[in-house]
Every structure is written in structure tokens, then in C-alpha cells.
């Protein structure tokens, strides 16, 4: 039976609403933090791509924590243009790792959330991987990715209007290793008509390439 719990994590701008899910069978192999898309455009932890990411990670053996950024749902605070949201993610990661101190961790995010986890993951040394889905290539300077030594995996729609294939390929070429880029045939940024394939690929990447047979 699926185990899911609601928690409130102490964040830098107030408490953060979160959902914790454990694998249905077997001991957890790792923990994973999942971040949602842009709060000002309706993004929440219940977004369909975020839900699929969380389920793929759970089926791969991860304990998964997804949460609402400041000002979203029952999370306190107000939107901070990505700066404070990185600190929200850092607080949730610390809470998750304190609860499961012996497990390695993975960071994952969709759209705005992918930027947040890359900012966070590139500032630490021990993330098993940072998975960025629907990565937006526009607006924000991305020079930090050129020196980011964290293992980076990008899963992108072939028709992503916020991260066009050519732009992401050019950006990817300038990124530091280790890195990986995969395109999934889909109709738009939200993996329209390809959510099942996206979820399956995500699960395969985690199971085969990120976590060893005995992560703990």
C-alpha cells in the first residue's frame, strides 16, 4: 500500500507544506526531493509532471518529498523570484536527510523547479544526481552550469517552447561534466501525449544509472 504523509517543514520564510511518500515494497534505496514549476503561473507540488516524477522515483526505490514553495498552497511567505525558493529547497532537503541520514539523495525538478534544484545541487558536493525536466533556457543567466560538477541529467520535450531543443543543446555543450541530455518526443513543455514515456524513462534512468544495486 502506498504510504503518504503530510508534513510542514520549517523554512526560511515560514512553514512549507510537503508530502512524503515511501516505496510500496522493499527498503528505501535513496531519498529524493522534487521541486515544482513556477508559482506565479499556477505551479504546485500537485502538477502532473511533478506527480509523475515523484511516482517514478518512488517506484525506483526512493523516499520522495515534494513540497510547495513559499506562498503556494499552505506554505507561508511570498514568491522571491527564485532566490528564496532555493533556500526553501535547501531547508526541505535538510529535513529529509535528517529523517533518513544513511541514504544518498537525488534532486529533481520540473521547469522553474529544475532551475531551483540545479542551483542547489551545484552548490553541494554529494548529490547523487540532479534531474532537470523541462529546463527553461530563457531569462536567467546560466553561467554557473559551466563550472557545476554535480551529475546533471536533462529530460526535455522535443517541442518544449520554454527550452527549445537548439537552445538547450547549445547550452548543454558548454556545461561541465558529468552531464546527460535526453529528448522525449512530446507535444509541448508539459510532455503532452508523452507523460507515460516520460515517467518510464525517468524510472529507468534512476534505477539503472543513478542508484547502485544497494544504495545504502
Protein backbone atom coordinates (compact mmCIF):
# COMPACT_ATOMS: atom_id res chain seq x y z
CA UNK A 1 0.00 0.00 0.00
CA UNK A 2 1.23 3.48 -0.87
CA UNK A 3 2.38 5.37 2.20
CA UNK A 4 1.94 9.15 2.04
CA UNK A 5 2.20 11.70 4.83
CA UNK A 6 1.60 15.45 5.03
CA UNK A 7 4.27 17.45 6.83
CA UNK A 8 5.14 21.07 7.47
CA UNK A 9 8.83 21.84 7.20
CA UNK A 10 10.33 24.90 8.87
CA UNK A 11 11.54 27.12 6.03
CA UNK A 12 13.37 30.46 5.98
CA UNK A 13 10.13 32.39 5.31
CA UNK A 14 7.76 30.23 7.36
CA UNK A 15 6.50 26.69 7.26
CA UNK A 16 6.43 24.77 3.97
CA UNK A 17 3.67 22.32 3.09
CA UNK A 18 5.09 18.97 1.97
CA UNK A 19 4.13 15.41 1.02
CA UNK A 20 6.37 12.49 1.95
CA UNK A 21 5.97 9.19 0.10
CA UNK A 22 7.82 5.93 0.74
CA UNK A 23 8.23 2.98 -1.65
CA UNK A 24 5.43 0.44 -1.50
CA UNK A 25 7.81 -2.51 -1.22
CA UNK A 26 11.36 -3.04 -0.01
CA UNK A 27 13.72 -0.84 1.93
CA UNK A 28 14.34 2.64 0.50
CA UNK A 29 17.45 2.95 -1.66
CA UNK A 30 17.70 6.75 -1.56
CA UNK A 31 15.77 9.91 -0.81
CA UNK A 32 14.64 12.38 -3.45
CA UNK A 33 13.50 15.99 -3.30
CA UNK A 34 11.17 17.12 -6.11
CA UNK A 35 10.50 20.80 -6.94
CA UNK A 36 7.50 22.17 -8.82
CA UNK A 37 7.12 24.70 -11.68
CA UNK A 38 6.72 28.46 -11.44
CA UNK A 39 4.45 29.58 -8.57
CA UNK A 40 3.25 32.67 -10.43
CA UNK A 41 1.91 30.55 -13.30
CA UNK A 42 -0.02 28.00 -11.28
CA UNK A 43 2.84 25.69 -10.36
CA UNK A 44 2.33 23.50 -7.28
CA UNK A 45 3.58 20.17 -5.95
CA UNK A 46 0.43 18.61 -7.48
CA UNK A 47 1.48 19.49 -11.05
CA UNK A 48 1.05 16.45 -13.31
CA UNK A 49 4.70 16.31 -14.38
CA UNK A 50 5.88 16.66 -10.78
CA UNK A 51 3.49 13.87 -9.76
CA UNK A 52 4.91 11.62 -12.49
CA UNK A 53 8.47 12.42 -11.44
CA UNK A 54 7.66 11.60 -7.83
CA UNK A 55 5.99 8.32 -8.76
CA UNK A 56 8.90 7.27 -10.98
CA UNK A 57 11.35 7.99 -8.18
CA UNK A 58 9.21 6.11 -5.68
CA UNK A 59 8.92 3.09 -7.97
CA UNK A 60 12.71 3.17 -8.35
CA UNK A 61 13.01 2.78 -4.57
CA UNK A 62 13.26 6.37 -3.35
CA UNK A 63 11.58 8.08 -0.45
CA UNK A 64 10.20 11.20 -2.13
CA UNK A 65 9.48 14.62 -0.64
CA UNK A 66 7.67 17.17 -2.78
CA UNK A 67 6.65 20.49 -1.33
CA UNK A 68 5.06 23.84 -2.13
CA UNK A 69 7.38 26.80 -2.42
CA UNK A 70 6.76 29.85 -0.23
CA UNK A 71 3.37 31.43 -0.88
CA UNK A 72 1.92 28.36 -2.63
CA UNK A 73 -0.90 26.29 -1.12
CA UNK A 74 -0.47 26.20 2.64
CA UNK A 75 3.19 27.27 2.54
CA UNK A 76 3.90 30.60 4.20
CA UNK A 77 5.78 33.56 2.73
CA UNK A 78 5.71 35.24 -0.68
CA UNK A 79 7.37 34.48 -4.02
CA UNK A 80 11.03 35.56 -4.18
CA UNK A 81 11.97 35.27 -7.88
CA UNK A 82 13.85 32.01 -7.34
CA UNK A 83 16.31 33.25 -4.71
CA UNK A 84 14.27 32.35 -1.65
CA UNK A 85 12.93 29.26 -3.37
CA UNK A 86 16.43 27.77 -3.49
CA UNK A 87 16.58 28.27 0.28
CA UNK A 88 13.15 26.64 0.64
CA UNK A 89 14.52 23.61 -1.21
CA UNK A 90 17.64 23.61 0.94
CA UNK A 91 15.51 23.55 4.12
CA UNK A 92 13.40 20.67 2.80
CA UNK A 93 16.49 18.72 1.77
CA UNK A 94 18.00 19.17 5.23
CA UNK A 95 14.75 17.93 6.81
CA UNK A 96 14.65 14.91 4.51
CA UNK A 97 18.28 13.97 5.08
CA UNK A 98 17.91 14.32 8.84
CA UNK A 99 14.99 11.88 8.72
CA UNK A 100 16.94 9.36 6.58
CA UNK A 101 20.58 10.09 7.44
CA UNK A 102 22.02 6.88 5.99
CA UNK A 103 20.58 7.22 2.49
CA UNK A 104 22.06 9.02 -0.53
CA UNK A 105 19.96 11.73 -2.14
CA UNK A 106 18.73 12.82 -5.54
CA UNK A 107 17.40 16.25 -6.54
CA UNK A 108 14.73 16.59 -9.23
CA UNK A 109 12.62 19.43 -10.56
CA UNK A 110 10.37 20.44 -13.41
CA UNK A 111 10.58 23.78 -15.27
CA UNK A 112 11.18 26.53 -12.65
CA UNK A 113 11.82 23.70 -10.19
CA UNK A 114 14.61 22.36 -12.41
CA UNK A 115 16.40 25.69 -12.12
CA UNK A 116 15.99 25.59 -8.34
CA UNK A 117 17.44 22.08 -7.97
CA UNK A 118 20.35 22.89 -10.27
CA UNK A 119 21.18 25.98 -8.22
CA UNK A 120 21.00 23.89 -5.06
CA UNK A 121 22.75 20.83 -6.45
CA UNK A 122 25.60 22.81 -7.96
CA UNK A 123 26.32 24.31 -4.55
CA UNK A 124 26.78 20.98 -2.77
CA UNK A 125 29.25 18.16 -3.29
CA UNK A 126 27.37 14.97 -2.56
CA UNK A 127 24.14 14.85 -4.58
CA UNK A 128 23.89 11.50 -6.36
CA UNK A 129 22.32 13.32 -9.32
CA UNK A 130 20.32 16.41 -10.29
CA UNK A 131 17.47 15.65 -12.69
CA UNK A 132 16.15 18.65 -14.63
CA UNK A 133 12.94 18.11 -16.61
CA UNK A 134 11.52 20.78 -18.89
CA UNK A 135 14.51 23.02 -18.27
CA UNK A 136 13.80 26.66 -19.30
CA UNK A 137 16.67 28.16 -21.27
CA UNK A 138 15.37 31.74 -21.28
CA UNK A 139 15.56 34.74 -18.95
CA UNK A 140 18.10 33.90 -16.24
CA UNK A 141 21.93 33.80 -16.63
CA UNK A 142 23.17 30.20 -16.56
CA UNK A 143 26.94 30.64 -16.40
CA UNK A 144 27.10 28.63 -13.17
CA UNK A 145 26.40 25.44 -15.14
CA UNK A 146 29.76 25.79 -16.86
CA UNK A 147 31.56 25.03 -13.60
CA UNK A 148 28.97 22.80 -11.91
CA UNK A 149 30.49 19.42 -11.08
CA UNK A 150 27.26 17.77 -9.91
CA UNK A 151 25.98 14.91 -12.09
CA UNK A 152 23.32 16.57 -14.28
CA UNK A 153 20.59 14.77 -16.22
CA UNK A 154 18.24 16.70 -18.51
CA UNK A 155 14.96 15.20 -19.74
CA UNK A 156 13.36 17.52 -22.28
CA UNK A 157 10.37 17.50 -24.61
CA UNK A 158 11.29 17.73 -28.30
CA UNK A 159 8.73 20.54 -28.59
CA UNK A 160 9.47 22.48 -25.41
CA UNK A 161 8.51 26.10 -26.00
CA UNK A 162 10.39 27.27 -22.90
CA UNK A 163 13.52 25.26 -23.60
CA UNK A 164 13.81 24.82 -27.37
CA UNK A 165 15.95 21.93 -28.49
CA UNK A 166 18.58 24.01 -30.29
CA UNK A 167 19.00 26.39 -27.38
CA UNK A 168 19.32 23.61 -24.83
CA UNK A 169 21.80 21.68 -26.98
CA UNK A 170 23.98 24.78 -27.29
CA UNK A 171 23.80 25.43 -23.56
CA UNK A 172 24.46 21.78 -22.78
CA UNK A 173 27.63 21.83 -24.88
CA UNK A 174 29.08 24.48 -22.56
CA UNK A 175 28.16 22.71 -19.32
CA UNK A 176 30.71 21.00 -17.12
CA UNK A 177 30.80 17.21 -16.90
CA UNK A 178 29.25 14.93 -15.78
CA UNK A 179 26.13 15.58 -17.81
CA UNK A 180 23.49 13.85 -19.89
CA UNK A 181 20.72 15.11 -22.17
CA UNK A 182 17.75 13.11 -23.44
CA UNK A 183 14.86 14.29 -25.57
CA UNK A 184 11.43 12.71 -25.33
CA UNK A 185 9.04 13.08 -28.29
CA UNK A 186 6.20 15.18 -26.86
CA UNK A 187 3.87 17.96 -27.97
CA UNK A 188 4.83 20.70 -25.52
CA UNK A 189 6.69 21.79 -22.38
CA UNK A 190 4.40 19.64 -20.22
CA UNK A 191 5.21 16.42 -22.13
CA UNK A 192 1.74 16.36 -23.67
CA UNK A 193 0.92 12.94 -25.18
CA UNK A 194 4.11 11.52 -23.67
CA UNK A 195 3.71 11.51 -19.89
CA UNK A 196 3.79 7.71 -19.71
CA UNK A 197 7.02 7.60 -21.71
CA UNK A 198 8.48 10.41 -19.62
CA UNK A 199 7.69 8.59 -16.37
CA UNK A 200 9.09 5.30 -17.67
CA UNK A 201 12.31 6.95 -18.86
CA UNK A 202 12.70 8.74 -15.57
CA UNK A 203 12.33 5.48 -13.67
CA UNK A 204 14.84 3.73 -15.94
CA UNK A 205 17.41 6.49 -15.53
CA UNK A 206 17.15 6.37 -11.74
CA UNK A 207 17.16 2.57 -11.50
CA UNK A 208 19.90 1.84 -13.98
CA UNK A 209 22.16 4.88 -13.96
CA UNK A 210 21.86 6.80 -10.70
CA UNK A 211 21.42 4.28 -7.90
CA UNK A 212 23.62 1.23 -7.45
CA UNK A 213 22.08 -2.12 -6.57
CA UNK A 214 22.48 -1.35 -2.87
CA UNK A 215 22.48 2.41 -2.41
CA UNK A 216 22.68 2.20 1.36
